[in-house]
Protein backbone atom coordinates (compact mmCIF):
# COMPACT_ATOMS: atom_id res chain seq x y z
CA UNK A 1 0.00 0.00 0.00
CA UNK A 2 1.36 3.40 -1.00
CA UNK A 3 0.43 6.94 -0.06
CA UNK A 4 0.72 9.57 -2.78
CA UNK A 5 0.65 13.35 -2.55
CA UNK A 6 -0.65 14.81 -5.83
CA UNK A 7 -1.12 18.39 -7.01
CA UNK A 8 -2.67 19.09 -10.43
CA UNK A 9 -2.10 22.65 -11.62
CA UNK A 10 -4.01 23.91 -14.67
CA UNK A 11 -2.01 26.62 -16.41
CA UNK A 12 -3.68 29.40 -18.39
CA UNK A 13 -7.04 29.53 -16.63
CA UNK A 14 -9.38 32.45 -17.23
CA UNK A 15 -9.23 33.54 -13.57
CA UNK A 16 -6.78 32.99 -10.71
CA UNK A 17 -9.26 30.59 -9.06
CA UNK A 18 -8.83 26.89 -9.84
CA UNK A 19 -11.47 25.52 -7.46
CA UNK A 20 -13.71 24.32 -10.32
CA UNK A 21 -10.85 22.16 -11.63
CA UNK A 22 -10.13 20.86 -8.14
CA UNK A 23 -13.80 19.88 -7.80
CA UNK A 24 -13.69 18.06 -11.13
CA UNK A 25 -10.58 16.14 -10.05
CA UNK A 26 -12.28 15.22 -6.77
CA UNK A 27 -15.17 13.69 -8.74
CA UNK A 28 -12.69 11.36 -10.45
CA UNK A 29 -11.29 10.39 -7.05
CA UNK A 30 -14.78 9.74 -5.65
CA UNK A 31 -15.43 7.28 -8.45
CA UNK A 32 -12.29 5.31 -7.63
CA UNK A 33 -13.11 5.40 -3.92
CA UNK A 34 -16.67 4.20 -4.51
CA UNK A 35 -15.18 1.28 -6.47
CA UNK A 36 -13.06 0.47 -3.40
CA UNK A 37 -9.77 1.04 -5.24
CA UNK A 38 -8.44 4.01 -3.21
CA UNK A 39 -8.99 6.24 -0.24
CA UNK A 40 -8.26 9.95 -0.52
CA UNK A 41 -8.17 13.18 1.43
CA UNK A 42 -8.40 16.69 0.00
CA UNK A 43 -6.20 19.27 1.74
CA UNK A 44 -5.96 23.03 1.08
CA UNK A 45 -2.87 22.54 -1.10
CA UNK A 46 -3.05 19.01 -2.56
CA UNK A 47 -4.74 15.62 -2.43
CA UNK A 48 -3.45 12.58 -0.56
CA UNK A 49 -4.35 9.19 -2.05
CA UNK A 50 -3.85 5.75 -0.53
CA UNK A 51 -3.91 2.48 -2.47
CA UNK A 52 -1.95 -0.04 -4.48
CA UNK A 53 0.76 1.64 -6.55
CA UNK A 54 -0.36 0.47 -10.03
CA UNK A 55 -3.88 1.76 -9.33
CA UNK A 56 -2.50 5.04 -8.00
CA UNK A 57 -0.62 5.64 -11.25
CA UNK A 58 -3.87 5.07 -13.14
CA UNK A 59 -5.69 7.49 -10.84
CA UNK A 60 -2.96 10.12 -11.22
CA UNK A 61 -3.18 9.91 -15.01
CA UNK A 62 -6.96 10.37 -14.84
CA UNK A 63 -6.50 13.35 -12.49
CA UNK A 64 -3.93 14.90 -14.84
CA UNK A 65 -6.34 14.63 -17.78
CA UNK A 66 -9.22 16.49 -16.08
CA UNK A 67 -8.15 20.08 -16.90
CA UNK A 68 -7.42 19.08 -20.51
CA UNK A 69 -10.97 17.72 -20.80
CA UNK A 70 -12.19 21.14 -19.65
CA UNK A 71 -10.28 23.09 -22.29
CA UNK A 72 -6.99 23.84 -20.55
CA UNK A 73 -3.99 23.51 -22.87
CA UNK A 74 -1.25 23.06 -20.26
CA UNK A 75 -1.21 21.13 -16.97
CA UNK A 76 1.58 20.63 -14.42
CA UNK A 77 1.20 17.72 -12.00
CA UNK A 78 3.49 17.03 -9.06
CA UNK A 79 3.65 13.62 -7.40
CA UNK A 80 5.32 12.45 -4.20
CA UNK A 81 5.14 8.74 -3.34
CA UNK A 82 5.58 7.08 0.05
CA UNK A 83 5.77 3.36 -0.71
CA UNK A 84 6.63 1.44 2.45
CA UNK A 85 6.46 -2.33 1.99
CA UNK A 86 7.59 -3.69 5.35
CA UNK A 87 4.39 -2.62 7.17
CA UNK A 88 0.91 -1.46 6.25
CA UNK A 89 0.21 2.10 7.41
CA UNK A 90 -2.72 4.39 6.66
CA UNK A 91 -2.77 8.14 6.15
CA UNK A 92 -4.43 8.52 9.53
CA UNK A 93 -1.89 6.31 11.30
CA UNK A 94 0.99 8.49 10.14
CA UNK A 95 -0.66 11.61 11.55
CA UNK A 96 -1.74 9.86 14.76
CA UNK A 97 1.79 8.58 15.34
CA UNK A 98 3.29 12.07 15.21
CA UNK A 99 0.48 13.44 17.39
CA UNK A 100 1.10 10.74 20.01
CA UNK A 101 4.78 11.64 20.10
CA UNK A 102 3.91 15.31 20.60
CA UNK A 103 1.61 14.38 23.47
CA UNK A 104 4.42 12.52 25.23
CA UNK A 105 6.29 15.75 25.96
C-alpha atoms as a PDB file:
ATOM      1  CA  UNK A   1       0.000   0.000   0.000  1.00  0.00           C
ATOM      2  CA  UNK A   2       1.355   3.398  -0.996  1.00  0.00           C
ATOM      3  CA  UNK A   3       0.429   6.938  -0.064  1.00  0.00           C
ATOM      4  CA  UNK A   4       0.720   9.567  -2.776  1.00  0.00           C
ATOM      5  CA  UNK A   5       0.649  13.347  -2.546  1.00  0.00           C
ATOM      6  CA  UNK A   6      -0.655  14.813  -5.831  1.00  0.00           C
ATOM      7  CA  UNK A   7      -1.117  18.385  -7.015  1.00  0.00           C
ATOM      8  CA  UNK A   8      -2.673  19.090 -10.427  1.00  0.00           C
ATOM      9  CA  UNK A   9      -2.104  22.647 -11.623  1.00  0.00           C
ATOM     10  CA  UNK A  10      -4.015  23.906 -14.674  1.00  0.00           C
ATOM     11  CA  UNK A  11      -2.007  26.625 -16.410  1.00  0.00           C
ATOM     12  CA  UNK A  12      -3.678  29.401 -18.395  1.00  0.00           C
ATOM     13  CA  UNK A  13      -7.040  29.526 -16.631  1.00  0.00           C
ATOM     14  CA  UNK A  14      -9.383  32.449 -17.232  1.00  0.00           C
ATOM     15  CA  UNK A  15      -9.226  33.535 -13.570  1.00  0.00           C
ATOM     16  CA  UNK A  16      -6.778  32.991 -10.708  1.00  0.00           C
ATOM     17  CA  UNK A  17      -9.260  30.587  -9.063  1.00  0.00           C
ATOM     18  CA  UNK A  18      -8.826  26.894  -9.837  1.00  0.00           C
ATOM     19  CA  UNK A  19     -11.470  25.515  -7.465  1.00  0.00           C
ATOM     20  CA  UNK A  20     -13.713  24.319 -10.316  1.00  0.00           C
ATOM     21  CA  UNK A  21     -10.849  22.163 -11.629  1.00  0.00           C
ATOM     22  CA  UNK A  22     -10.130  20.862  -8.136  1.00  0.00           C
ATOM     23  CA  UNK A  23     -13.799  19.884  -7.799  1.00  0.00           C
ATOM     24  CA  UNK A  24     -13.688  18.055 -11.133  1.00  0.00           C
ATOM     25  CA  UNK A  25     -10.579  16.141 -10.045  1.00  0.00           C
ATOM     26  CA  UNK A  26     -12.279  15.221  -6.770  1.00  0.00           C
ATOM     27  CA  UNK A  27     -15.173  13.692  -8.736  1.00  0.00           C
ATOM     28  CA  UNK A  28     -12.687  11.365 -10.447  1.00  0.00           C
ATOM     29  CA  UNK A  29     -11.294  10.393  -7.047  1.00  0.00           C
ATOM     30  CA  UNK A  30     -14.784   9.744  -5.650  1.00  0.00           C
ATOM     31  CA  UNK A  31     -15.429   7.278  -8.455  1.00  0.00           C
ATOM     32  CA  UNK A  32     -12.286   5.307  -7.626  1.00  0.00           C
ATOM     33  CA  UNK A  33     -13.108   5.398  -3.923  1.00  0.00           C
ATOM     34  CA  UNK A  34     -16.669   4.196  -4.511  1.00  0.00           C
ATOM     35  CA  UNK A  35     -15.185   1.276  -6.473  1.00  0.00           C
ATOM     36  CA  UNK A  36     -13.056   0.468  -3.401  1.00  0.00           C
ATOM     37  CA  UNK A  37      -9.769   1.042  -5.238  1.00  0.00           C
ATOM     38  CA  UNK A  38      -8.436   4.007  -3.212  1.00  0.00           C
ATOM     39  CA  UNK A  39      -8.994   6.244  -0.241  1.00  0.00           C
ATOM     40  CA  UNK A  40      -8.261   9.954  -0.519  1.00  0.00           C
ATOM     41  CA  UNK A  41      -8.166  13.177   1.427  1.00  0.00           C
ATOM     42  CA  UNK A  42      -8.396  16.694   0.003  1.00  0.00           C
ATOM     43  CA  UNK A  43      -6.204  19.273   1.737  1.00  0.00           C
ATOM     44  CA  UNK A  44      -5.958  23.030   1.082  1.00  0.00           C
ATOM     45  CA  UNK A  45      -2.866  22.536  -1.096  1.00  0.00           C
ATOM     46  CA  UNK A  46      -3.053  19.006  -2.558  1.00  0.00           C
ATOM     47  CA  UNK A  47      -4.737  15.618  -2.427  1.00  0.00           C
ATOM     48  CA  UNK A  48      -3.447  12.576  -0.560  1.00  0.00           C
ATOM     49  CA  UNK A  49      -4.350   9.190  -2.055  1.00  0.00           C
ATOM     50  CA  UNK A  50      -3.853   5.747  -0.533  1.00  0.00           C
ATOM     51  CA  UNK A  51      -3.913   2.480  -2.470  1.00  0.00           C
ATOM     52  CA  UNK A  52      -1.951  -0.040  -4.482  1.00  0.00           C
ATOM     53  CA  UNK A  53       0.757   1.645  -6.552  1.00  0.00           C
ATOM     54  CA  UNK A  54      -0.363   0.468 -10.031  1.00  0.00           C
ATOM     55  CA  UNK A  55      -3.885   1.758  -9.329  1.00  0.00           C
ATOM     56  CA  UNK A  56      -2.497   5.035  -8.002  1.00  0.00           C
ATOM     57  CA  UNK A  57      -0.620   5.639 -11.249  1.00  0.00           C
ATOM     58  CA  UNK A  58      -3.872   5.067 -13.144  1.00  0.00           C
ATOM     59  CA  UNK A  59      -5.687   7.488 -10.838  1.00  0.00           C
ATOM     60  CA  UNK A  60      -2.965  10.125 -11.219  1.00  0.00           C
ATOM     61  CA  UNK A  61      -3.184   9.914 -15.006  1.00  0.00           C
ATOM     62  CA  UNK A  62      -6.962  10.375 -14.836  1.00  0.00           C
ATOM     63  CA  UNK A  63      -6.505  13.348 -12.489  1.00  0.00           C
ATOM     64  CA  UNK A  64      -3.934  14.902 -14.839  1.00  0.00           C
ATOM     65  CA  UNK A  65      -6.344  14.633 -17.779  1.00  0.00           C
ATOM     66  CA  UNK A  66      -9.222  16.490 -16.076  1.00  0.00           C
ATOM     67  CA  UNK A  67      -8.146  20.077 -16.895  1.00  0.00           C
ATOM     68  CA  UNK A  68      -7.421  19.081 -20.506  1.00  0.00           C
ATOM     69  CA  UNK A  69     -10.965  17.720 -20.801  1.00  0.00           C
ATOM     70  CA  UNK A  70     -12.193  21.145 -19.646  1.00  0.00           C
ATOM     71  CA  UNK A  71     -10.284  23.095 -22.289  1.00  0.00           C
ATOM     72  CA  UNK A  72      -6.989  23.845 -20.552  1.00  0.00           C
ATOM     73  CA  UNK A  73      -3.995  23.511 -22.865  1.00  0.00           C
ATOM     74  CA  UNK A  74      -1.249  23.060 -20.264  1.00  0.00           C
ATOM     75  CA  UNK A  75      -1.212  21.133 -16.966  1.00  0.00           C
ATOM     76  CA  UNK A  76       1.576  20.633 -14.417  1.00  0.00           C
ATOM     77  CA  UNK A  77       1.199  17.720 -11.998  1.00  0.00           C
ATOM     78  CA  UNK A  78       3.488  17.028  -9.057  1.00  0.00           C
ATOM     79  CA  UNK A  79       3.653  13.619  -7.397  1.00  0.00           C
ATOM     80  CA  UNK A  80       5.321  12.451  -4.201  1.00  0.00           C
ATOM     81  CA  UNK A  81       5.139   8.738  -3.341  1.00  0.00           C
ATOM     82  CA  UNK A  82       5.584   7.080   0.048  1.00  0.00           C
ATOM     83  CA  UNK A  83       5.769   3.355  -0.707  1.00  0.00           C
ATOM     84  CA  UNK A  84       6.632   1.441   2.449  1.00  0.00           C
ATOM     85  CA  UNK A  85       6.460  -2.334   1.993  1.00  0.00           C
ATOM     86  CA  UNK A  86       7.587  -3.690   5.347  1.00  0.00           C
ATOM     87  CA  UNK A  87       4.395  -2.615   7.172  1.00  0.00           C
ATOM     88  CA  UNK A  88       0.910  -1.463   6.254  1.00  0.00           C
ATOM     89  CA  UNK A  89       0.210   2.100   7.407  1.00  0.00           C
ATOM     90  CA  UNK A  90      -2.720   4.393   6.656  1.00  0.00           C
ATOM     91  CA  UNK A  91      -2.766   8.142   6.150  1.00  0.00           C
ATOM     92  CA  UNK A  92      -4.433   8.524   9.528  1.00  0.00           C
ATOM     93  CA  UNK A  93      -1.889   6.313  11.298  1.00  0.00           C
ATOM     94  CA  UNK A  94       0.986   8.491  10.137  1.00  0.00           C
ATOM     95  CA  UNK A  95      -0.656  11.606  11.554  1.00  0.00           C
ATOM     96  CA  UNK A  96      -1.742   9.856  14.762  1.00  0.00           C
ATOM     97  CA  UNK A  97       1.791   8.580  15.337  1.00  0.00           C
ATOM     98  CA  UNK A  98       3.294  12.071  15.211  1.00  0.00           C
ATOM     99  CA  UNK A  99       0.483  13.436  17.387  1.00  0.00           C
ATOM    100  CA  UNK A 100       1.103  10.739  20.006  1.00  0.00           C
ATOM    101  CA  UNK A 101       4.783  11.641  20.104  1.00  0.00           C
ATOM    102  CA  UNK A 102       3.913  15.312  20.596  1.00  0.00           C
ATOM    103  CA  UNK A 103       1.611  14.380  23.466  1.00  0.00           C
ATOM    104  CA  UNK A 104       4.420  12.515  25.232  1.00  0.00           C
ATOM    105  CA  UNK A 105       6.290  15.751  25.958  1.00  0.00           C
END
